[in-house]
């Protein structure tokens, strides 16, 4: 697809699939923003993370714990930023009809979102196990992943149907939510 056409489709297209992708983009960037805030704390730019008065939430304790620095010799906040950035990239890749024209892209996005949901659930368990508390910012990002996965299902189903040689019309029209 030519860059001019891609630009026009992504900015001006109004298909239900594209509307859902825009929501996924917003949720991915919200997840990345949560990672940015955690990163600022974990590297000393911010001295504390304010939390809403929610039971079992203590972002400072969780994000300063051994758990938060136990992977790749780095704090986990920057890894969140990269992870949600990859999701945003997959979400923005391809034109308005990518499920039919490039079905592997939405399938890759859906697979990544599924892995993110499984991983974030596992990480929440580790947060609790080590700290008996949760990071509010991390859990907001987790909710973004689960909402994104739900939004991705119709496009992923259409892409799978395309690969299997089916029309995919029923999936998009049945999901019709904008």
Protein backbone atom coordinates (compact mmCIF):
# COMPACT_ATOMS: atom_id res chain seq x y z
CA UNK A 1 0.00 0.00 0.00
CA UNK A 2 1.28 3.44 -0.87
CA UNK A 3 2.02 5.74 2.10
CA UNK A 4 -0.56 8.30 0.96
CA UNK A 5 -3.31 5.68 0.86
CA UNK A 6 -2.29 4.25 4.24
CA UNK A 7 -2.31 7.73 5.77
CA UNK A 8 -5.79 8.46 4.40
CA UNK A 9 -7.24 5.10 5.46
CA UNK A 10 -5.86 5.21 8.99
CA UNK A 11 -6.87 8.81 9.61
CA UNK A 12 -10.17 8.98 7.75
CA UNK A 13 -11.46 5.40 7.50
CA UNK A 14 -14.59 4.56 9.43
CA UNK A 15 -15.00 0.79 9.32
CA UNK A 16 -15.95 -0.98 12.57
CA UNK A 17 -12.62 -2.86 12.47
CA UNK A 18 -10.68 0.39 12.20
CA UNK A 19 -12.71 1.96 15.00
CA UNK A 20 -11.79 -0.99 17.25
CA UNK A 21 -8.13 -0.64 16.23
CA UNK A 22 -8.24 3.01 17.29
CA UNK A 23 -9.49 1.93 20.70
CA UNK A 24 -6.70 -0.66 20.90
CA UNK A 25 -4.20 2.06 19.94
CA UNK A 26 -5.47 4.32 22.71
CA UNK A 27 -5.37 1.50 25.26
CA UNK A 28 -1.85 0.53 24.14
CA UNK A 29 -0.63 4.07 24.56
CA UNK A 30 -2.33 4.26 27.97
CA UNK A 31 -0.47 1.07 28.95
CA UNK A 32 2.78 2.61 27.68
CA UNK A 33 2.04 5.75 29.72
CA UNK A 34 1.66 3.61 32.83
CA UNK A 35 5.06 2.11 32.05
CA UNK A 36 6.54 5.58 31.62
CA UNK A 37 5.28 6.70 35.03
CA UNK A 38 6.63 3.54 36.69
CA UNK A 39 9.96 4.05 34.84
CA UNK A 40 10.26 7.59 36.17
CA UNK A 41 9.85 6.26 39.72
CA UNK A 42 12.15 3.28 39.23
CA UNK A 43 14.98 5.48 37.96
CA UNK A 44 14.63 8.17 40.66
CA UNK A 45 13.07 10.94 38.57
CA UNK A 46 9.92 10.67 40.71
CA UNK A 47 10.33 10.02 44.44
CA UNK A 48 6.92 8.42 44.94
CA UNK A 49 3.94 7.08 43.02
CA UNK A 50 0.61 8.39 44.24
CA UNK A 51 -2.06 5.70 44.57
CA UNK A 52 -5.80 5.92 44.95
CA UNK A 53 -6.89 4.70 48.39
CA UNK A 54 -7.57 1.15 47.21
CA UNK A 55 -6.96 -1.84 49.46
CA UNK A 56 -3.96 -4.01 48.54
CA UNK A 57 -2.40 -1.30 46.34
CA UNK A 58 1.08 0.03 47.12
CA UNK A 59 2.82 1.00 43.89
CA UNK A 60 5.91 2.36 45.65
CA UNK A 61 6.56 -0.92 47.45
CA UNK A 62 5.90 -3.08 44.39
CA UNK A 63 7.89 -0.96 41.94
CA UNK A 64 10.90 -0.69 44.28
CA UNK A 65 10.93 -4.42 45.12
CA UNK A 66 13.32 -7.10 43.93
CA UNK A 67 10.48 -8.36 41.71
CA UNK A 68 10.51 -5.10 39.70
CA UNK A 69 14.25 -5.30 38.97
CA UNK A 70 14.60 -9.06 38.45
CA UNK A 71 14.54 -9.27 34.64
CA UNK A 72 17.33 -8.38 32.20
CA UNK A 73 19.19 -6.32 34.82
CA UNK A 74 16.73 -3.45 34.35
CA UNK A 75 13.64 -2.10 36.05
CA UNK A 76 10.43 -3.44 34.55
CA UNK A 77 8.89 -0.04 33.73
CA UNK A 78 10.91 0.50 30.52
CA UNK A 79 10.03 -3.06 29.47
CA UNK A 80 6.34 -2.12 29.82
CA UNK A 81 6.90 0.88 27.56
CA UNK A 82 8.55 -1.27 24.89
CA UNK A 83 5.88 -3.98 25.18
CA UNK A 84 2.94 -1.61 24.74
CA UNK A 85 4.83 0.20 21.97
CA UNK A 86 5.05 -3.07 20.03
CA UNK A 87 1.30 -3.53 20.43
CA UNK A 88 0.70 0.02 19.17
CA UNK A 89 2.93 -0.70 16.16
CA UNK A 90 1.06 -3.93 15.31
CA UNK A 91 -2.25 -2.09 15.74
CA UNK A 92 -1.28 0.69 13.34
CA UNK A 93 0.23 -1.61 10.72
CA UNK A 94 -1.81 -2.06 7.55
CA UNK A 95 -4.78 -0.37 6.02
CA UNK A 96 -8.45 -0.38 6.79
CA UNK A 97 -9.06 -3.86 5.29
CA UNK A 98 -5.92 -5.56 6.58
CA UNK A 99 -7.79 -8.63 7.88
CA UNK A 100 -8.54 -9.55 4.26
CA UNK A 101 -5.51 -8.02 2.56
CA UNK A 102 -2.79 -8.95 5.12
CA UNK A 103 -4.43 -11.39 7.54
CA UNK A 104 -1.21 -12.34 9.33
CA UNK A 105 -0.91 -8.83 10.79
CA UNK A 106 -4.15 -8.90 12.84
CA UNK A 107 -3.44 -12.50 13.79
CA UNK A 108 0.00 -11.44 15.08
CA UNK A 109 -1.62 -8.57 16.98
CA UNK A 110 -4.20 -10.91 18.51
CA UNK A 111 -1.54 -13.45 19.47
CA UNK A 112 0.55 -10.72 21.09
CA UNK A 113 -2.45 -9.45 23.03
CA UNK A 114 -3.23 -12.97 24.23
CA UNK A 115 0.37 -13.43 25.39
CA UNK A 116 0.21 -10.02 27.10
CA UNK A 117 -2.94 -11.04 29.00
CA UNK A 118 -1.41 -14.31 30.16
CA UNK A 119 1.88 -12.63 31.09
CA UNK A 120 0.24 -9.74 32.95
CA UNK A 121 -1.88 -12.18 34.94
CA UNK A 122 1.26 -14.13 35.84
CA UNK A 123 3.10 -10.93 36.75
CA UNK A 124 0.21 -9.79 38.96
CA UNK A 125 0.53 -13.09 40.80
CA UNK A 126 4.25 -12.47 41.27
CA UNK A 127 3.56 -8.90 42.48
CA UNK A 128 1.20 -10.25 45.10
CA UNK A 129 3.38 -13.19 46.07
CA UNK A 130 6.43 -11.05 46.76
CA UNK A 131 4.79 -7.87 48.05
CA UNK A 132 1.27 -8.71 49.25
CA UNK A 133 0.32 -5.64 47.21
CA UNK A 134 -0.31 -4.58 43.63
CA UNK A 135 1.04 -1.73 41.52
CA UNK A 136 -1.94 0.37 40.52
CA UNK A 137 -0.24 1.52 37.32
CA UNK A 138 0.62 -2.04 36.28
CA UNK A 139 -2.93 -3.18 36.89
CA UNK A 140 -4.33 -0.34 34.76
CA UNK A 141 -2.02 -1.58 31.99
CA UNK A 142 -3.27 -5.13 32.55
CA UNK A 143 -6.87 -3.98 32.12
CA UNK A 144 -5.81 -2.24 28.89
CA UNK A 145 -4.46 -5.56 27.60
CA UNK A 146 -7.65 -7.48 28.39
CA UNK A 147 -9.88 -4.78 26.86
CA UNK A 148 -7.66 -4.71 23.76
CA UNK A 149 -7.87 -8.47 23.36
CA UNK A 150 -11.66 -8.33 23.48
CA UNK A 151 -11.67 -5.55 20.88
CA UNK A 152 -9.30 -7.50 18.61
CA UNK A 153 -11.37 -10.70 18.43
CA UNK A 154 -13.62 -9.75 15.46
CA UNK A 155 -10.70 -8.68 13.27
CA UNK A 156 -8.65 -11.73 14.22
CA UNK A 157 -11.59 -14.02 13.37
CA UNK A 158 -11.99 -12.30 10.00
CA UNK A 159 -8.28 -12.75 9.32
CA UNK A 160 -8.43 -16.45 10.22
CA UNK A 161 -11.48 -16.91 7.99
CA UNK A 162 -9.60 -15.17 5.17
CA UNK A 163 -6.66 -17.54 5.55
CA UNK A 164 -9.06 -20.49 5.52
CA UNK A 165 -10.68 -19.21 2.33
CA UNK A 166 -13.94 -18.15 3.94
CA UNK A 167 -15.48 -14.74 3.37
CA UNK A 168 -15.34 -13.39 6.94
CA UNK A 169 -18.41 -11.27 6.26
CA UNK A 170 -20.39 -12.79 9.14
CA UNK A 171 -17.73 -12.00 11.74
CA UNK A 172 -17.46 -8.29 10.94
CA UNK A 173 -21.18 -7.72 10.55
CA UNK A 174 -22.05 -9.73 13.64
CA UNK A 175 -19.64 -7.69 15.73
CA UNK A 176 -20.80 -4.36 14.22
CA UNK A 177 -20.00 -2.42 17.42
CA UNK A 178 -18.18 0.82 16.87
